[in-house]
C-alpha atoms as a PDB file:
ATOM      1  CA  MET A   1     -14.080  15.730 -21.815  1.00  0.00           C
ATOM      2  CA  LYS A   2     -17.673  14.840 -22.223  1.00  0.00           C
ATOM      3  CA  SER A   3     -18.307  13.241 -25.996  1.00  0.00           C
ATOM      4  CA  ALA A   4     -20.666  15.357 -28.305  1.00  0.00           C
ATOM      5  CA  THR A   5     -23.800  13.694 -28.211  1.00  0.00           C
ATOM      6  CA  ALA A   6     -23.322  13.129 -24.008  1.00  0.00           C
ATOM      7  CA  TYR A   7     -26.179  14.390 -21.784  1.00  0.00           C
ATOM      8  CA  ARG A   8     -25.352  18.067 -20.113  1.00  0.00           C
ATOM      9  CA  THR A   9     -26.115  19.275 -16.590  1.00  0.00           C
ATOM     10  CA  ILE A  10     -27.803  22.625 -15.811  1.00  0.00           C
ATOM     11  CA  SER A  11     -24.553  24.397 -14.981  1.00  0.00           C
ATOM     12  CA  GLU A  12     -22.323  22.556 -17.496  1.00  0.00           C
ATOM     13  CA  VAL A  13     -24.734  24.235 -20.145  1.00  0.00           C
ATOM     14  CA  SER A  14     -24.502  27.710 -18.086  1.00  0.00           C
ATOM     15  CA  THR A  15     -20.905  27.895 -17.776  1.00  0.00           C
ATOM     16  CA  ASP A  16     -20.313  26.522 -21.195  1.00  0.00           C
ATOM     17  CA  LEU A  17     -23.378  29.744 -22.388  1.00  0.00           C
ATOM     18  CA  ASN A  18     -22.305  31.990 -19.992  1.00  0.00           C
ATOM     19  CA  VAL A  19     -25.548  32.884 -18.783  1.00  0.00           C
ATOM     20  CA  PRO A  20     -27.172  32.304 -15.481  1.00  0.00           C
ATOM     21  CA  GLN A  21     -29.493  28.708 -14.813  1.00  0.00           C
ATOM     22  CA  HIS A  22     -31.469  30.928 -14.162  1.00  0.00           C
ATOM     23  CA  VAL A  23     -31.998  32.133 -16.961  1.00  0.00           C
ATOM     24  CA  LEU A  24     -32.055  29.200 -18.800  1.00  0.00           C
ATOM     25  CA  ARG A  25     -35.588  27.973 -16.915  1.00  0.00           C
ATOM     26  CA  PHE A  26     -36.738  31.303 -18.022  1.00  0.00           C
ATOM     27  CA  TRP A  27     -36.485  30.482 -21.782  1.00  0.00           C
ATOM     28  CA  GLU A  28     -37.798  26.681 -21.001  1.00  0.00           C
ATOM     29  CA  THR A  29     -40.709  28.662 -19.912  1.00  0.00           C
ATOM     30  CA  LYS A  30     -40.920  31.263 -23.565  1.00  0.00           C
ATOM     31  CA  PHE A  31     -39.766  28.216 -25.428  1.00  0.00           C
ATOM     32  CA  PRO A  32     -41.400  25.191 -25.327  1.00  0.00           C
ATOM     33  CA  GLN A  33     -39.029  23.550 -27.779  1.00  0.00           C
ATOM     34  CA  ILE A  34     -36.674  23.571 -25.443  1.00  0.00           C
ATOM     35  CA  ARG A  35     -37.408  19.949 -23.242  1.00  0.00           C
ATOM     36  CA  PRO A  36     -34.366  19.184 -20.990  1.00  0.00           C
ATOM     37  CA  LEU A  37     -34.721  15.660 -19.787  1.00  0.00           C
ATOM     38  CA  LYS A  38     -35.120  15.961 -15.616  1.00  0.00           C
ATOM     39  CA  ARG A  39     -34.496  13.357 -12.911  1.00  0.00           C
ATOM     40  CA  GLY A  40     -35.134  13.198 -10.126  1.00  0.00           C
ATOM     41  CA  GLY A  41     -35.011  16.049  -7.634  1.00  0.00           C
ATOM     42  CA  GLY A  42     -35.718  18.068 -10.883  1.00  0.00           C
ATOM     43  CA  ARG A  43     -32.658  18.098 -12.043  1.00  0.00           C
ATOM     44  CA  ARG A  44     -32.253  19.076 -15.854  1.00  0.00           C
ATOM     45  CA  TYR A  45     -29.853  17.231 -19.005  1.00  0.00           C
ATOM     46  CA  TYR A  46     -30.371  18.312 -21.957  1.00  0.00           C
ATOM     47  CA  ARG A  47     -29.840  17.043 -25.528  1.00  0.00           C
ATOM     48  CA  PRO A  48     -27.109  18.276 -27.604  1.00  0.00           C
ATOM     49  CA  GLU A  49     -30.114  19.644 -29.649  1.00  0.00           C
ATOM     50  CA  ASP A  50     -31.591  21.703 -27.008  1.00  0.00           C
ATOM     51  CA  VAL A  51     -27.886  22.990 -26.268  1.00  0.00           C
ATOM     52  CA  GLU A  52     -27.715  24.238 -29.836  1.00  0.00           C
ATOM     53  CA  LEU A  53     -31.208  25.676 -29.959  1.00  0.00           C
ATOM     54  CA  LEU A  54     -30.748  27.116 -26.684  1.00  0.00           C
ATOM     55  CA  ARG A  55     -27.069  28.642 -28.259  1.00  0.00           C
ATOM     56  CA  ARG A  56     -29.409  29.757 -31.338  1.00  0.00           C
ATOM     57  CA  ILE A  57     -31.272  31.821 -28.835  1.00  0.00           C
ATOM     58  CA  GLN A  58     -28.818  33.505 -27.234  1.00  0.00           C
ATOM     59  CA  ALA A  59     -27.673  34.390 -30.387  1.00  0.00           C
ATOM     60  CA  LEU A  60     -31.016  36.163 -31.030  1.00  0.00           C
ATOM     61  CA  LEU A  61     -31.594  37.411 -27.672  1.00  0.00           C
ATOM     62  CA  TYR A  62     -28.042  38.765 -27.355  1.00  0.00           C
ATOM     63  CA  GLU A  63     -26.127  39.174 -30.057  1.00  0.00           C
ATOM     64  CA  ASP A  64     -28.855  40.449 -32.815  1.00  0.00           C
ATOM     65  CA  ARG A  65     -31.158  41.767 -30.453  1.00  0.00           C
ATOM     66  CA  TYR A  66     -34.523  39.827 -31.139  1.00  0.00           C
ATOM     67  CA  THR A  67     -37.052  40.046 -28.150  1.00  0.00           C
ATOM     68  CA  ILE A  68     -38.350  36.950 -26.965  1.00  0.00           C
ATOM     69  CA  LYS A  69     -41.478  37.228 -29.149  1.00  0.00           C
ATOM     70  CA  GLY A  70     -39.095  38.017 -32.259  1.00  0.00           C
ATOM     71  CA  VAL A  71     -37.894  34.904 -31.155  1.00  0.00           C
ATOM     72  CA  GLN A  72     -40.829  32.824 -30.411  1.00  0.00           C
ATOM     73  CA  ARG A  73     -42.260  34.011 -33.787  1.00  0.00           C
ATOM     74  CA  LEU A  74     -38.828  32.084 -36.091  1.00  0.00           C
ATOM     75  CA  LEU A  75     -39.015  29.546 -34.240  1.00  0.00           C
ATOM     76  CA  LYS A  76     -42.504  29.009 -35.071  1.00  0.00           C
ATOM     77  CA  GLU A  77     -42.215  29.734 -38.683  1.00  0.00           C
ATOM     78  CA  GLY A  78     -39.326  27.238 -38.935  1.00  0.00           C
ATOM     79  CA  ARG A  79     -36.744  29.838 -39.152  1.00  0.00           C
ATOM     80  CA  MET A  80     -34.243  29.273 -36.832  1.00  0.00           C
ATOM     81  CA  SER A  81     -31.977  26.783 -38.979  1.00  0.00           C
ATOM     82  CA  ASP A  82     -31.804  30.321 -40.577  1.00  0.00           C
ATOM     83  CA  PRO A  83     -28.798  31.681 -39.485  1.00  0.00           C
ATOM     84  CA  THR A  84     -29.159  34.524 -40.906  1.00  0.00           C
ATOM     85  CA  PRO A  85     -33.254  36.006 -40.378  1.00  0.00           C
ATOM     86  CA  PRO A  86     -33.560  37.112 -43.810  1.00  0.00           C
ATOM     87  CA  LEU A  87     -33.407  40.751 -44.174  1.00  0.00           C
ATOM     88  CA  PRO A  88     -37.086  43.207 -44.194  1.00  0.00           C
ATOM     89  CA  GLU A  89     -38.197  44.465 -48.065  1.00  0.00           C
ATOM     90  CA  ASP A  90     -37.491  47.602 -46.288  1.00  0.00           C
ATOM     91  CA  ALA A  91     -34.432  47.732 -45.629  1.00  0.00           C
ATOM     92  CA  ASP A  92     -31.858  50.562 -47.100  1.00  0.00           C
ATOM     93  CA  GLU A  93     -30.211  48.787 -49.430  1.00  0.00           C
ATOM     94  CA  PRO A  94     -29.783  45.495 -50.857  1.00  0.00           C
ATOM     95  CA  GLY A  95     -27.012  43.603 -48.575  1.00  0.00           C
ATOM     96  CA  ASP A  96     -27.065  45.827 -46.067  1.00  0.00           C
ATOM     97  CA  SER A  97     -26.874  44.566 -43.080  1.00  0.00           C
ATOM     98  CA  GLY A  98     -28.565  47.725 -41.065  1.00  0.00           C
ATOM     99  CA  GLY A  99     -26.265  47.967 -38.305  1.00  0.00           C
ATOM    100  CA  GLY A 100     -23.030  45.864 -38.769  1.00  0.00           C
ATOM    101  CA  PRO A 101     -19.868  47.777 -37.701  1.00  0.00           C
ATOM    102  CA  VAL A 102     -18.205  50.083 -40.012  1.00  0.00           C
ATOM    103  CA  THR A 103     -15.098  48.868 -41.786  1.00  0.00           C
ATOM    104  CA  GLY A 104     -13.304  49.527 -45.144  1.00  0.00           C
ATOM    105  CA  GLU A 105     -14.362  53.061 -45.078  1.00  0.00           C
ATOM    106  CA  THR A 106     -11.654  55.267 -46.707  1.00  0.00           C
ATOM    107  CA  LEU A 107     -10.325  58.355 -44.944  1.00  0.00           C
ATOM    108  CA  ASP A 108      -8.782  62.027 -46.240  1.00  0.00           C
ATOM    109  CA  ASP A 109      -5.300  60.258 -46.149  1.00  0.00           C
ATOM    110  CA  GLY A 110      -6.087  57.688 -48.774  1.00  0.00           C
ATOM    111  CA  THR A 111      -5.389  55.169 -46.387  1.00  0.00           C
ATOM    112  CA  GLU A 112      -7.974  52.418 -45.074  1.00  0.00           C
ATOM    113  CA  ASP A 113      -9.532  52.831 -41.385  1.00  0.00           C
ATOM    114  CA  GLY A 114     -10.350  49.301 -40.026  1.00  0.00           C
ATOM    115  CA  GLY A 115     -13.616  50.771 -37.923  1.00  0.00           C
ATOM    116  CA  LEU A 116     -12.034  50.315 -34.577  1.00  0.00           C
ATOM    117  CA  ASP A 117     -11.911  54.104 -33.015  1.00  0.00           C
ATOM    118  CA  ASP A 118      -8.885  55.637 -30.440  1.00  0.00           C
ATOM    119  CA  GLY A 119     -10.551  53.927 -26.997  1.00  0.00           C
ATOM    120  CA  PRO A 120     -13.585  52.451 -25.572  1.00  0.00           C
ATOM    121  CA  ASP A 121     -16.858  54.431 -25.503  1.00  0.00           C
ATOM    122  CA  TYR A 122     -18.709  53.194 -22.915  1.00  0.00           C
ATOM    123  CA  GLY A 123     -21.830  54.993 -23.793  1.00  0.00           C
ATOM    124  CA  ALA A 124     -22.342  53.637 -27.100  1.00  0.00           C
ATOM    125  CA  GLN A 125     -24.448  50.791 -27.898  1.00  0.00           C
ATOM    126  CA  PRO A 126     -24.682  48.625 -30.770  1.00  0.00           C
ATOM    127  CA  PRO A 127     -26.112  49.620 -34.242  1.00  0.00           C
ATOM    128  CA  LEU A 128     -29.483  48.524 -35.085  1.00  0.00           C
ATOM    129  CA  SER A 129     -30.034  45.762 -37.227  1.00  0.00           C
ATOM    130  CA  ALA A 130     -32.129  46.312 -40.098  1.00  0.00           C
ATOM    131  CA  ALA A 131     -34.817  43.482 -38.645  1.00  0.00           C
ATOM    132  CA  LEU A 132     -35.006  45.702 -35.191  1.00  0.00           C
ATOM    133  CA  ARG A 133     -35.248  49.172 -37.418  1.00  0.00           C
ATOM    134  CA  HIS A 134     -38.222  47.701 -39.220  1.00  0.00           C
ATOM    135  CA  GLU A 135     -39.604  46.562 -35.863  1.00  0.00           C
ATOM    136  CA  ILE A 136     -39.388  49.805 -34.493  1.00  0.00           C
ATOM    137  CA  THR A 137     -40.484  51.597 -37.504  1.00  0.00           C
ATOM    138  CA  ILE A 138     -43.907  49.483 -37.562  1.00  0.00           C
ATOM    139  CA  VAL A 139     -44.520  50.771 -34.109  1.00  0.00           C
ATOM    140  CA  VAL A 140     -43.493  54.100 -34.320  1.00  0.00           C
ATOM    141  CA  ASP A 141     -46.282  53.908 -36.880  1.00  0.00           C
ATOM    142  CA  GLU A 142     -48.748  51.929 -35.116  1.00  0.00           C
ATOM    143  CA  LEU A 143     -48.043  55.099 -32.269  1.00  0.00           C
ATOM    144  CA  LYS A 144     -48.326  57.569 -34.564  1.00  0.00           C
ATOM    145  CA  SER A 145     -51.866  55.920 -35.817  1.00  0.00           C
ATOM    146  CA  LEU A 146     -53.097  55.854 -32.478  1.00  0.00           C
ATOM    147  CA  ARG A 147     -52.611  59.995 -31.378  1.00  0.00           C
ATOM    148  CA  SER A 148     -54.238  60.253 -34.966  1.00  0.00           C
ATOM    149  CA  VAL A 149     -57.587  58.968 -33.474  1.00  0.00           C
ATOM    150  CA  LEU A 150     -56.920  59.731 -29.248  1.00  0.00           C
ATOM    151  CA  SER A 151     -57.074  63.029 -31.509  1.00  0.00           C
ATOM    152  CA  ARG A 152     -60.004  62.665 -33.305  1.00  0.00           C
ATOM    153  CA  LEU A 153     -61.872  61.200 -30.581  1.00  0.00           C
ATOM    154  CA  SER A 154     -60.411  64.272 -27.827  1.00  0.00           C
ATOM    155  CA  GLU A 155     -62.207  66.943 -31.040  1.00  0.00           C
ATOM    156  CA  ILE A 156     -65.454  65.216 -30.920  1.00  0.00           C
ATOM    157  CA  GLY A 157     -65.094  65.166 -26.932  1.00  0.00           C
ATOM    158  CA  ASP A 158     -64.119  69.279 -27.538  1.00  0.00           C
ATOM    159  CA  LYS A 159     -67.028  69.987 -30.121  1.00  0.00           C
ATOM    160  CA  LYS A 160     -69.460  68.047 -27.149  1.00  0.00           C
ATOM    161  CA  SER A 161     -68.687  70.491 -24.423  1.00  0.00           C
END
């Protein structure tokens, strides 16, 4: 077992994070903050702080469902050290995480539901976080705006014909 301050190879980090090595190499191209030492033959050695950053990037991408651009923005703004990104201003309710698992609901018979269903639902998608819903809302608004511009341009073209 290596010490906590020891450098790790790409295969060790890959195994630790359960992420393929090619994904780690890809993340290096997208996040310049990840700078492993490269030795002869191109072998990579990750510092403990690189591994922690990779772990946080992995959580944001896979668990919090951020896009690469979203994580890049968080890194650029220096908000990566914050374990939970702030909710957008237009979140449904204060304290609403916007898509966490439903737990603690009271059922008709007065018992409390633990939030688990009776069996696996292989087609179910995880609920969207408030931040992701906010980004989707922005994109939808932009698309609606573009549609109205295209509609007006189409009307102008029809009048000229």
